[in-house]
Amino acid sequence: MVFPAKYSSLNALELSDEARRILTRIIRVSFPHPQFPDGPYDRMTEKIIEASAESSWFRMALTQGLMTLDTLSDEHFLDLPDDRAIAVLKRIADLEFFGFIRRTVVLNLYDDPEVYAALGYEGESFSKGGYLNRGFNDLTWLPEPRIEESGDPICDTGPLPYPVAAYAPAAGIELGEDGLKGAGIIKEGQTS
């Protein structure tokens, strides 16, 4: 059972515009990709808000966490430079509301079509004939493989320089210092 919070603003069903901006900033600082446009981050904010609406506890934890974030630094969280914002987020990394944000973003951010485009991912390939004939070797972001031939001569792996028994010795025959030679099974110079 969820009890009403001490402050009525914590019971609101929708986050304020400032709380949404703080949430978007948390996501952007936690998952920094300069090449990503604003759209995926904004959609993650909406996704988190939608997911929190399914549970009163998560909604209240999210609202309280966002409202108290400014108490962890001398400045407003939105005005902090990235390095100091990261330091603030490290202080709350173990809190449930931040874990809720992190889980939701990890599961959804990299499944966004704009993120695909920013990362150069062309999507699944099965419906397009697979990767073998379409994009198998077009990874331009990887360096070319270094292939060098060794100058060492190839060793001849011909016949072994010693005889090998063609079968195991019969029961009761023990191996001597010279292997099976003294057992009468293999004679000097014989290979099989």
N, C-alpha and C. Protein backbone atom coordinates (compact mmCIF):
# COMPACT_ATOMS: atom_id res chain seq x y z
N MET A 1 0.83 -1.16 0.00
CA MET A 1 0.00 0.00 0.00
C MET A 1 0.88 1.24 0.00
N VAL A 2 0.57 2.22 -0.84
CA VAL A 2 1.34 3.44 -0.93
C VAL A 2 0.61 4.54 -0.18
N PHE A 3 1.31 5.19 0.72
CA PHE A 3 0.72 6.28 1.49
C PHE A 3 1.03 7.61 0.82
N PRO A 4 0.19 8.61 0.97
CA PRO A 4 0.47 9.90 0.36
C PRO A 4 1.75 10.49 0.92
N ALA A 5 2.52 11.14 0.06
CA ALA A 5 3.77 11.75 0.48
C ALA A 5 3.50 13.01 1.30
N LYS A 6 4.49 13.45 2.03
CA LYS A 6 4.36 14.63 2.87
C LYS A 6 4.08 15.88 2.03
N TYR A 7 4.71 15.96 0.87
CA TYR A 7 4.51 17.09 -0.03
C TYR A 7 3.56 16.67 -1.14
N SER A 8 2.53 17.45 -1.36
CA SER A 8 1.52 17.08 -2.35
C SER A 8 2.09 17.01 -3.76
N SER A 9 3.17 17.75 -4.04
CA SER A 9 3.75 17.70 -5.39
C SER A 9 4.32 16.32 -5.69
N LEU A 10 4.65 15.55 -4.66
CA LEU A 10 5.18 14.20 -4.88
C LEU A 10 4.08 13.23 -5.27
N ASN A 11 2.83 13.59 -5.05
CA ASN A 11 1.71 12.72 -5.40
C ASN A 11 1.19 12.99 -6.80
N ALA A 12 1.77 13.95 -7.49
CA ALA A 12 1.29 14.30 -8.83
C ALA A 12 1.45 13.12 -9.76
N LEU A 13 0.50 12.96 -10.67
CA LEU A 13 0.55 11.86 -11.63
C LEU A 13 1.53 12.14 -12.76
N GLU A 14 1.77 13.42 -13.05
CA GLU A 14 2.69 13.78 -14.12
C GLU A 14 3.84 14.58 -13.56
N LEU A 15 5.02 14.37 -14.16
CA LEU A 15 6.18 15.12 -13.72
C LEU A 15 6.13 16.53 -14.30
N SER A 16 6.70 17.46 -13.58
CA SER A 16 6.76 18.83 -14.08
C SER A 16 7.74 18.89 -15.25
N ASP A 17 7.70 20.00 -15.98
CA ASP A 17 8.62 20.17 -17.12
C ASP A 17 10.07 20.16 -16.64
N GLU A 18 10.31 20.77 -15.49
CA GLU A 18 11.68 20.78 -14.96
C GLU A 18 12.12 19.37 -14.59
N ALA A 19 11.24 18.58 -13.99
CA ALA A 19 11.59 17.19 -13.64
C ALA A 19 11.88 16.38 -14.89
N ARG A 20 11.15 16.63 -15.97
CA ARG A 20 11.42 15.95 -17.24
C ARG A 20 12.79 16.34 -17.79
N ARG A 21 13.13 17.63 -17.69
CA ARG A 21 14.45 18.08 -18.16
C ARG A 21 15.56 17.45 -17.32
N ILE A 22 15.34 17.34 -16.01
CA ILE A 22 16.33 16.71 -15.14
C ILE A 22 16.49 15.24 -15.51
N LEU A 23 15.39 14.57 -15.74
CA LEU A 23 15.44 13.15 -16.12
C LEU A 23 16.19 12.98 -17.44
N THR A 24 15.91 13.82 -18.42
CA THR A 24 16.61 13.75 -19.70
C THR A 24 18.10 14.00 -19.50
N ARG A 25 18.44 14.95 -18.64
CA ARG A 25 19.86 15.25 -18.36
C ARG A 25 20.53 14.06 -17.69
N ILE A 26 19.83 13.40 -16.76
CA ILE A 26 20.39 12.20 -16.12
C ILE A 26 20.72 11.15 -17.17
N ILE A 27 19.79 10.95 -18.10
CA ILE A 27 20.00 9.93 -19.14
C ILE A 27 21.17 10.31 -20.03
N ARG A 28 21.22 11.57 -20.44
CA ARG A 28 22.29 12.02 -21.33
C ARG A 28 23.66 11.93 -20.65
N VAL A 29 23.73 12.29 -19.37
CA VAL A 29 25.01 12.22 -18.65
C VAL A 29 25.40 10.77 -18.38
N SER A 30 24.42 9.94 -18.09
CA SER A 30 24.70 8.52 -17.79
C SER A 30 25.08 7.73 -19.04
N PHE A 31 24.53 8.11 -20.17
CA PHE A 31 24.79 7.43 -21.44
C PHE A 31 25.24 8.47 -22.46
N PRO A 32 26.49 8.96 -22.31
CA PRO A 32 26.94 10.07 -23.16
C PRO A 32 27.35 9.59 -24.56
N HIS A 33 26.63 10.03 -25.54
CA HIS A 33 26.95 9.76 -26.94
C HIS A 33 26.78 11.08 -27.69
N PRO A 34 27.85 11.80 -27.94
CA PRO A 34 27.73 13.11 -28.61
C PRO A 34 27.07 13.02 -29.98
N GLN A 35 27.18 11.88 -30.66
CA GLN A 35 26.60 11.76 -31.99
C GLN A 35 25.10 11.46 -31.97
N PHE A 36 24.53 11.17 -30.81
CA PHE A 36 23.10 10.90 -30.72
C PHE A 36 22.33 12.22 -30.74
N PRO A 37 21.26 12.29 -31.51
CA PRO A 37 20.41 13.48 -31.46
C PRO A 37 19.59 13.50 -30.17
N ASP A 38 18.82 14.56 -29.96
CA ASP A 38 18.02 14.68 -28.74
C ASP A 38 16.85 13.71 -28.70
N GLY A 39 16.33 13.31 -29.86
CA GLY A 39 15.15 12.45 -29.93
C GLY A 39 15.21 11.19 -29.10
N PRO A 40 16.26 10.37 -29.23
CA PRO A 40 16.32 9.15 -28.43
C PRO A 40 16.32 9.41 -26.92
N TYR A 41 16.99 10.47 -26.48
CA TYR A 41 17.00 10.80 -25.06
C TYR A 41 15.62 11.25 -24.60
N ASP A 42 14.95 12.04 -25.42
CA ASP A 42 13.59 12.47 -25.08
C ASP A 42 12.63 11.28 -25.03
N ARG A 43 12.79 10.34 -25.96
CA ARG A 43 11.92 9.15 -25.96
C ARG A 43 12.20 8.27 -24.75
N MET A 44 13.45 8.21 -24.30
CA MET A 44 13.76 7.44 -23.09
C MET A 44 13.12 8.08 -21.87
N THR A 45 13.09 9.41 -21.83
CA THR A 45 12.42 10.10 -20.73
C THR A 45 10.95 9.71 -20.71
N GLU A 46 10.31 9.75 -21.86
CA GLU A 46 8.88 9.38 -21.93
C GLU A 46 8.68 7.92 -21.56
N LYS A 47 9.60 7.05 -22.00
CA LYS A 47 9.51 5.62 -21.68
C LYS A 47 9.59 5.39 -20.17
N ILE A 48 10.49 6.10 -19.50
CA ILE A 48 10.63 5.96 -18.06
C ILE A 48 9.38 6.47 -17.35
N ILE A 49 8.84 7.58 -17.82
CA ILE A 49 7.63 8.13 -17.21
C ILE A 49 6.46 7.17 -17.41
N GLU A 50 6.35 6.58 -18.60
CA GLU A 50 5.28 5.60 -18.85
C GLU A 50 5.46 4.38 -17.95
N ALA A 51 6.70 3.89 -17.84
CA ALA A 51 6.95 2.71 -17.00
C ALA A 51 6.68 3.01 -15.53
N SER A 52 6.99 4.23 -15.09
CA SER A 52 6.76 4.57 -13.69
C SER A 52 5.27 4.72 -13.39
N ALA A 53 4.47 5.04 -14.41
CA ALA A 53 3.02 5.19 -14.21
C ALA A 53 2.36 3.84 -13.89
N GLU A 54 3.01 2.75 -14.24
CA GLU A 54 2.46 1.42 -13.98
C GLU A 54 2.56 1.03 -12.51
N SER A 55 3.44 1.71 -11.77
CA SER A 55 3.63 1.39 -10.36
C SER A 55 3.67 2.68 -9.55
N SER A 56 2.79 2.80 -8.58
CA SER A 56 2.78 3.99 -7.73
C SER A 56 4.10 4.14 -6.99
N TRP A 57 4.67 3.01 -6.58
CA TRP A 57 5.93 3.07 -5.85
C TRP A 57 7.04 3.65 -6.72
N PHE A 58 7.18 3.15 -7.96
CA PHE A 58 8.22 3.67 -8.84
C PHE A 58 7.96 5.14 -9.19
N ARG A 59 6.70 5.50 -9.39
CA ARG A 59 6.38 6.89 -9.70
C ARG A 59 6.80 7.80 -8.56
N MET A 60 6.47 7.41 -7.33
CA MET A 60 6.85 8.22 -6.17
C MET A 60 8.36 8.23 -5.96
N ALA A 61 9.01 7.09 -6.15
CA ALA A 61 10.47 7.04 -6.00
C ALA A 61 11.14 7.92 -7.03
N LEU A 62 10.65 7.87 -8.27
CA LEU A 62 11.21 8.70 -9.34
C LEU A 62 10.99 10.17 -9.04
N THR A 63 9.79 10.54 -8.65
CA THR A 63 9.48 11.94 -8.35
C THR A 63 10.33 12.45 -7.20
N GLN A 64 10.42 11.68 -6.12
CA GLN A 64 11.23 12.09 -4.97
C GLN A 64 12.70 12.17 -5.33
N GLY A 65 13.18 11.20 -6.08
CA GLY A 65 14.59 11.20 -6.48
C GLY A 65 14.95 12.41 -7.33
N LEU A 66 14.08 12.75 -8.28
CA LEU A 66 14.35 13.90 -9.13
C LEU A 66 14.28 15.21 -8.35
N MET A 67 13.35 15.29 -7.40
CA MET A 67 13.20 16.52 -6.62
C MET A 67 14.36 16.73 -5.64
N THR A 68 14.93 15.66 -5.15
CA THR A 68 16.00 15.78 -4.16
C THR A 68 17.39 15.78 -4.78
N LEU A 69 17.48 15.65 -6.09
CA LEU A 69 18.79 15.59 -6.76
C LEU A 69 19.59 16.87 -6.54
N ASP A 70 18.91 18.01 -6.48
CA ASP A 70 19.61 19.28 -6.29
C ASP A 70 20.23 19.43 -4.91
N THR A 71 19.79 18.63 -3.96
CA THR A 71 20.34 18.74 -2.60
C THR A 71 21.74 18.13 -2.52
N LEU A 72 22.17 17.44 -3.55
CA LEU A 72 23.47 16.77 -3.52
C LEU A 72 24.61 17.64 -4.03
N SER A 73 24.30 18.85 -4.49
CA SER A 73 25.34 19.77 -4.95
C SER A 73 24.91 21.20 -4.64
N ASP A 74 25.85 22.11 -4.77
CA ASP A 74 25.56 23.52 -4.49
C ASP A 74 24.77 24.19 -5.60
N GLU A 75 24.79 23.59 -6.79
CA GLU A 75 24.11 24.18 -7.94
C GLU A 75 22.94 23.32 -8.37
N HIS A 76 22.12 23.89 -9.23
CA HIS A 76 21.01 23.15 -9.82
C HIS A 76 21.59 22.08 -10.74
N PHE A 77 21.03 20.88 -10.71
CA PHE A 77 21.57 19.76 -11.49
C PHE A 77 21.65 20.09 -12.98
N LEU A 78 20.68 20.82 -13.50
CA LEU A 78 20.69 21.16 -14.93
C LEU A 78 21.84 22.10 -15.29
N ASP A 79 22.36 22.84 -14.31
CA ASP A 79 23.44 23.80 -14.57
C ASP A 79 24.83 23.21 -14.36
N LEU A 80 24.91 22.01 -13.83
CA LEU A 80 26.22 21.39 -13.56
C LEU A 80 26.92 20.99 -14.84
N PRO A 81 28.25 21.16 -14.91
CA PRO A 81 28.99 20.60 -16.03
C PRO A 81 28.96 19.06 -15.95
N ASP A 82 29.23 18.42 -17.05
CA ASP A 82 29.10 16.96 -17.11
C ASP A 82 29.90 16.23 -16.03
N ASP A 83 31.13 16.65 -15.79
CA ASP A 83 31.95 15.92 -14.82
C ASP A 83 31.36 16.01 -13.41
N ARG A 84 30.82 17.16 -13.02
CA ARG A 84 30.22 17.28 -11.70
C ARG A 84 28.85 16.60 -11.65
N ALA A 85 28.13 16.59 -12.77
CA ALA A 85 26.86 15.87 -12.82
C ALA A 85 27.10 14.37 -12.66
N ILE A 86 28.16 13.86 -13.26
CA ILE A 86 28.51 12.44 -13.10
C ILE A 86 28.85 12.14 -11.65
N ALA A 87 29.56 13.05 -10.99
CA ALA A 87 29.89 12.85 -9.57
C ALA A 87 28.63 12.77 -8.73
N VAL A 88 27.64 13.60 -9.03
CA VAL A 88 26.36 13.55 -8.30
C VAL A 88 25.67 12.21 -8.57
N LEU A 89 25.66 11.78 -9.83
CA LEU A 89 25.00 10.52 -10.17
C LEU A 89 25.70 9.32 -9.54
N LYS A 90 27.00 9.39 -9.37
CA LYS A 90 27.71 8.30 -8.70
C LYS A 90 27.27 8.18 -7.25
N ARG A 91 26.90 9.29 -6.64
CA ARG A 91 26.44 9.26 -5.25
C ARG A 91 25.08 8.57 -5.11
N ILE A 92 24.28 8.59 -6.18
CA ILE A 92 22.94 7.98 -6.11
C ILE A 92 22.86 6.68 -6.90
N ALA A 93 24.00 6.18 -7.35
CA ALA A 93 24.01 5.00 -8.22
C ALA A 93 23.35 3.78 -7.60
N ASP A 94 23.36 3.68 -6.28
CA ASP A 94 22.78 2.51 -5.61
C ASP A 94 21.32 2.68 -5.22
N LEU A 95 20.77 3.86 -5.47
CA LEU A 95 19.37 4.09 -5.11
C LEU A 95 18.44 3.42 -6.12
N GLU A 96 17.29 2.99 -5.63
CA GLU A 96 16.34 2.25 -6.46
C GLU A 96 15.83 3.07 -7.65
N PHE A 97 15.58 4.36 -7.44
CA PHE A 97 15.03 5.14 -8.55
C PHE A 97 16.05 5.29 -9.68
N PHE A 98 17.35 5.39 -9.33
CA PHE A 98 18.37 5.48 -10.37
C PHE A 98 18.55 4.13 -11.06
N GLY A 99 18.46 3.04 -10.31
CA GLY A 99 18.50 1.70 -10.92
C GLY A 99 17.35 1.49 -11.88
N PHE A 100 16.18 2.01 -11.53
CA PHE A 100 15.01 1.94 -12.41
C PHE A 100 15.27 2.70 -13.71
N ILE A 101 15.86 3.89 -13.61
CA ILE A 101 16.21 4.68 -14.80
C ILE A 101 17.22 3.92 -15.64
N ARG A 102 18.27 3.44 -15.01
CA ARG A 102 19.34 2.75 -15.72
C ARG A 102 18.83 1.51 -16.44
N ARG A 103 18.03 0.68 -15.75
CA ARG A 103 17.49 -0.53 -16.37
C ARG A 103 16.64 -0.20 -17.59
N THR A 104 15.78 0.78 -17.45
CA THR A 104 14.88 1.14 -18.55
C THR A 104 15.68 1.65 -19.75
N VAL A 105 16.69 2.48 -19.49
CA VAL A 105 17.47 3.04 -20.60
C VAL A 105 18.32 1.97 -21.26
N VAL A 106 18.96 1.13 -20.49
CA VAL A 106 19.81 0.07 -21.07
C VAL A 106 18.99 -0.84 -21.98
N LEU A 107 17.77 -1.14 -21.58
CA LEU A 107 16.93 -2.04 -22.37
C LEU A 107 16.30 -1.38 -23.59
N ASN A 108 16.26 -0.04 -23.64
CA ASN A 108 15.52 0.61 -24.71
C ASN A 108 16.30 1.60 -25.56
N LEU A 109 17.31 2.25 -25.03
CA LEU A 109 18.00 3.30 -25.78
C LEU A 109 18.61 2.78 -27.07
N TYR A 110 19.27 1.65 -27.01
CA TYR A 110 20.00 1.15 -28.16
C TYR A 110 19.10 0.38 -29.14
N ASP A 111 17.80 0.45 -28.89
CA ASP A 111 16.83 -0.17 -29.80
C ASP A 111 16.02 0.91 -30.52
N ASP A 112 16.58 2.10 -30.59
CA ASP A 112 15.91 3.23 -31.22
C ASP A 112 16.43 3.40 -32.65
N PRO A 113 15.57 3.61 -33.64
CA PRO A 113 16.02 3.74 -35.03
C PRO A 113 17.03 4.88 -35.25
N GLU A 114 16.87 5.99 -34.52
CA GLU A 114 17.84 7.08 -34.66
C GLU A 114 19.19 6.69 -34.09
N VAL A 115 19.19 5.87 -33.06
CA VAL A 115 20.45 5.38 -32.50
C VAL A 115 21.11 4.42 -33.48
N TYR A 116 20.30 3.57 -34.12
CA TYR A 116 20.84 2.69 -35.17
C TYR A 116 21.58 3.51 -36.21
N ALA A 117 20.95 4.57 -36.68
CA ALA A 117 21.56 5.39 -37.73
C ALA A 117 22.84 6.06 -37.22
N ALA A 118 22.82 6.55 -35.99
CA ALA A 118 24.00 7.22 -35.44
C ALA A 118 25.17 6.25 -35.27
N LEU A 119 24.86 5.00 -34.97
CA LEU A 119 25.91 3.99 -34.77
C LEU A 119 26.29 3.27 -36.06
N GLY A 120 25.54 3.50 -37.14
CA GLY A 120 25.83 2.84 -38.41
C GLY A 120 25.27 1.44 -38.52
N TYR A 121 24.36 1.08 -37.63
CA TYR A 121 23.74 -0.25 -37.68
C TYR A 121 22.60 -0.23 -38.69
N GLU A 122 22.63 -1.14 -39.62
CA GLU A 122 21.65 -1.16 -40.69
C GLU A 122 20.42 -1.99 -40.36
N GLY A 123 20.36 -2.52 -39.17
CA GLY A 123 19.21 -3.33 -38.77
C GLY A 123 19.44 -4.81 -39.05
N GLU A 124 18.40 -5.58 -38.81
CA GLU A 124 18.52 -7.02 -39.03
C GLU A 124 18.72 -7.29 -40.51
N SER A 125 19.35 -8.40 -40.82
CA SER A 125 19.69 -8.66 -42.22
C SER A 125 18.96 -9.86 -42.82
N PHE A 126 18.29 -10.64 -42.01
CA PHE A 126 17.67 -11.86 -42.52
C PHE A 126 16.70 -11.57 -43.65
N SER A 127 15.84 -10.56 -43.46
CA SER A 127 14.85 -10.24 -44.48
C SER A 127 15.48 -9.65 -45.74
N LYS A 128 16.75 -9.27 -45.65
CA LYS A 128 17.44 -8.67 -46.80
C LYS A 128 18.46 -9.62 -47.41
N GLY A 129 18.40 -10.88 -47.06
CA GLY A 129 19.30 -11.87 -47.65
C GLY A 129 20.48 -12.24 -46.78
N GLY A 130 20.58 -11.73 -45.58
CA GLY A 130 21.67 -12.07 -44.68
C GLY A 130 22.88 -11.17 -44.90
N TYR A 131 23.88 -11.35 -44.04
CA TYR A 131 25.07 -10.52 -44.09
C TYR A 131 26.11 -11.03 -45.08
N LEU A 132 26.04 -12.26 -45.50
CA LEU A 132 27.09 -12.81 -46.34
C LEU A 132 27.26 -12.01 -47.62
N ASN A 133 26.15 -11.66 -48.26
CA ASN A 133 26.23 -10.90 -49.51
C ASN A 133 25.85 -9.43 -49.33
N ARG A 134 25.63 -9.01 -48.10
CA ARG A 134 25.22 -7.63 -47.85
C ARG A 134 25.84 -7.14 -46.54
N GLY A 135 27.01 -6.57 -46.64
CA GLY A 135 27.61 -5.93 -45.47
C GLY A 135 28.50 -6.81 -44.62
N PHE A 136 28.81 -8.01 -45.06
CA PHE A 136 29.64 -8.89 -44.24
C PHE A 136 31.01 -8.28 -43.96
N ASN A 137 31.58 -7.63 -44.97
CA ASN A 137 32.94 -7.14 -44.83
C ASN A 137 33.02 -5.62 -44.98
N ASP A 138 31.98 -4.88 -44.61
CA ASP A 138 32.02 -3.43 -44.78
C ASP A 138 32.16 -2.67 -43.45
N LEU A 139 32.84 -3.26 -42.51
CA LEU A 139 33.05 -2.61 -41.23
C LEU A 139 34.18 -1.59 -41.37
N THR A 140 33.84 -0.41 -41.83
CA THR A 140 34.85 0.61 -42.09
C THR A 140 35.47 1.17 -40.82
N TRP A 141 34.85 0.97 -39.68
CA TRP A 141 35.39 1.50 -38.43
C TRP A 141 36.46 0.60 -37.83
N LEU A 142 36.62 -0.62 -38.37
CA LEU A 142 37.68 -1.52 -37.91
C LEU A 142 38.92 -1.34 -38.76
N PRO A 143 40.11 -1.44 -38.16
CA PRO A 143 41.32 -1.35 -38.98
C PRO A 143 41.46 -2.58 -39.86
N GLU A 144 42.18 -2.42 -40.95
CA GLU A 144 42.42 -3.56 -41.84
C GLU A 144 43.26 -4.59 -41.08
N PRO A 145 42.97 -5.88 -41.26
CA PRO A 145 43.76 -6.89 -40.55
C PRO A 145 45.19 -6.93 -41.08
N ARG A 146 46.11 -7.16 -40.18
CA ARG A 146 47.52 -7.24 -40.55
C ARG A 146 47.83 -8.69 -40.86
N ILE A 147 48.16 -8.97 -42.11
CA ILE A 147 48.48 -10.34 -42.53
C ILE A 147 49.93 -10.33 -43.02
N GLU A 148 50.75 -11.11 -42.34
CA GLU A 148 52.16 -11.18 -42.71
C GLU A 148 52.54 -12.64 -42.88
N GLU A 149 53.35 -12.89 -43.89
CA GLU A 149 53.88 -14.23 -44.10
C GLU A 149 55.16 -14.37 -43.29
N SER A 150 55.33 -15.51 -42.68
CA SER A 150 56.54 -15.79 -41.92
C SER A 150 57.67 -16.17 -42.88
N GLY A 151 58.86 -15.71 -42.58
CA GLY A 151 60.01 -16.05 -43.42
C GLY A 151 60.63 -17.38 -43.03
N ASP A 152 60.16 -18.02 -41.96
CA ASP A 152 60.73 -19.29 -41.52
C ASP A 152 60.33 -20.40 -42.48
N PRO A 153 61.26 -21.35 -42.73
CA PRO A 153 60.90 -22.49 -43.59
C PRO A 153 59.87 -23.38 -42.90
N ILE A 154 59.04 -24.01 -43.68
CA ILE A 154 58.03 -24.92 -43.15
C ILE A 154 58.71 -26.24 -42.80
N CYS A 155 58.46 -26.75 -41.61
CA CYS A 155 59.07 -28.00 -41.15
C CYS A 155 58.45 -29.18 -41.90
N ASP A 156 59.32 -30.14 -42.23
CA ASP A 156 58.83 -31.37 -42.84
C ASP A 156 58.26 -32.25 -41.74
N THR A 157 57.03 -32.68 -41.89
CA THR A 157 56.41 -33.53 -40.88
C THR A 157 56.30 -34.96 -41.39
N GLY A 158 57.36 -35.42 -42.03
CA GLY A 158 57.36 -36.75 -42.61
C GLY A 158 57.40 -37.84 -41.56
N PRO A 159 57.97 -39.03 -41.90
CA PRO A 159 57.98 -40.16 -40.98
C PRO A 159 58.73 -39.81 -39.69
N LEU A 160 58.28 -40.41 -38.61
CA LEU A 160 58.92 -40.17 -37.33
C LEU A 160 60.29 -40.82 -37.32
N PRO A 161 61.25 -40.23 -36.61
CA PRO A 161 62.62 -40.78 -36.59
C PRO A 161 62.78 -42.00 -35.68
N TYR A 162 61.68 -42.53 -35.15
CA TYR A 162 61.74 -43.69 -34.26
C TYR A 162 60.58 -44.62 -34.60
N PRO A 163 60.70 -45.88 -34.27
CA PRO A 163 59.62 -46.81 -34.58
C PRO A 163 58.42 -46.63 -33.65
N VAL A 164 57.25 -46.91 -34.16
CA VAL A 164 56.02 -46.81 -33.40
C VAL A 164 55.33 -48.17 -33.43
N ALA A 165 54.88 -48.65 -32.27
CA ALA A 165 54.22 -49.94 -32.21
C ALA A 165 52.87 -49.83 -32.92
N ALA A 166 52.54 -50.85 -33.71
CA ALA A 166 51.29 -50.86 -34.44
C ALA A 166 50.14 -51.31 -33.56
N TYR A 167 50.44 -51.88 -32.42
CA TYR A 167 49.39 -52.34 -31.52
C TYR A 167 49.93 -52.29 -30.10
N ALA A 168 49.05 -52.40 -29.14
CA ALA A 168 49.44 -52.37 -27.74
C ALA A 168 50.04 -53.72 -27.38
N PRO A 169 50.97 -53.70 -26.44
CA PRO A 169 51.56 -54.98 -26.04
C PRO A 169 50.53 -55.88 -25.34
N ALA A 170 50.75 -57.16 -25.44
CA ALA A 170 49.86 -58.13 -24.81
C ALA A 170 49.98 -58.02 -23.30
N ALA A 171 49.00 -58.54 -22.62
CA ALA A 171 49.00 -58.49 -21.17
C ALA A 171 50.22 -59.21 -20.63
N GLY A 172 50.85 -58.63 -19.64
CA GLY A 172 52.00 -59.24 -19.00
C GLY A 172 53.32 -58.76 -19.56
N ILE A 173 53.34 -58.09 -20.69
CA ILE A 173 54.59 -57.57 -21.25
C ILE A 173 54.77 -56.15 -20.71
N GLU A 174 55.93 -55.94 -20.11
CA GLU A 174 56.22 -54.62 -19.57
C GLU A 174 57.18 -53.89 -20.48
N LEU A 175 57.04 -52.58 -20.45
CA LEU A 175 57.94 -51.75 -21.24
C LEU A 175 59.27 -51.63 -20.54
N GLY A 176 60.35 -51.82 -21.26
CA GLY A 176 61.69 -51.64 -20.72
C GLY A 176 62.17 -50.24 -21.03
N GLU A 177 63.47 -50.02 -20.77
CA GLU A 177 64.04 -48.71 -21.06
C GLU A 177 63.99 -48.40 -22.55
N ASP A 178 64.06 -49.41 -23.37
CA ASP A 178 64.05 -49.20 -24.82
C ASP A 178 62.65 -49.43 -25.40
N GLY A 179 61.62 -49.22 -24.60
CA GLY A 179 60.26 -49.37 -25.08
C GLY A 179 59.91 -50.83 -25.25
N LEU A 180 59.44 -51.24 -26.44
CA LEU A 180 59.02 -52.61 -26.70
C LEU A 180 60.10 -53.45 -27.37
N LYS A 181 61.28 -52.86 -27.60
CA LYS A 181 62.33 -53.60 -28.32
C LYS A 181 62.69 -54.89 -27.62
N GLY A 182 62.86 -54.85 -26.33
CA GLY A 182 63.27 -56.04 -25.60
C GLY A 182 62.16 -57.06 -25.42
N ALA A 183 60.92 -56.74 -25.81
CA ALA A 183 59.80 -57.64 -25.61
C ALA A 183 59.61 -58.58 -26.77
N GLY A 184 60.42 -58.43 -27.84
CA GLY A 184 60.30 -59.31 -28.99
C GLY A 184 59.15 -58.91 -29.91
N ILE A 185 58.51 -57.85 -29.63
CA ILE A 185 57.40 -57.41 -30.49
C ILE A 185 57.91 -56.57 -31.63
N ILE A 186 58.83 -55.64 -31.31
CA ILE A 186 59.43 -54.81 -32.37
C ILE A 186 60.92 -55.05 -32.33
N LYS A 187 61.44 -55.34 -33.49
CA LYS A 187 62.87 -55.62 -33.61
C LYS A 187 63.57 -54.37 -34.14
N GLU A 188 64.85 -54.31 -33.93
CA GLU A 188 65.68 -53.20 -34.39
C GLU A 188 65.44 -52.93 -35.86
N GLY A 189 65.12 -51.68 -36.23
CA GLY A 189 64.94 -51.30 -37.62
C GLY A 189 63.54 -51.56 -38.15
N GLN A 190 62.69 -52.22 -37.42
CA GLN A 190 61.34 -52.53 -37.87
C GLN A 190 60.39 -51.43 -37.42
N THR A 191 59.48 -50.99 -38.29
CA THR A 191 58.55 -49.93 -37.93
C THR A 191 57.15 -50.43 -37.72
N SER A 192 56.81 -51.62 -38.13
CA SER A 192 55.48 -52.13 -37.90
C SER A 192 55.49 -53.63 -37.72
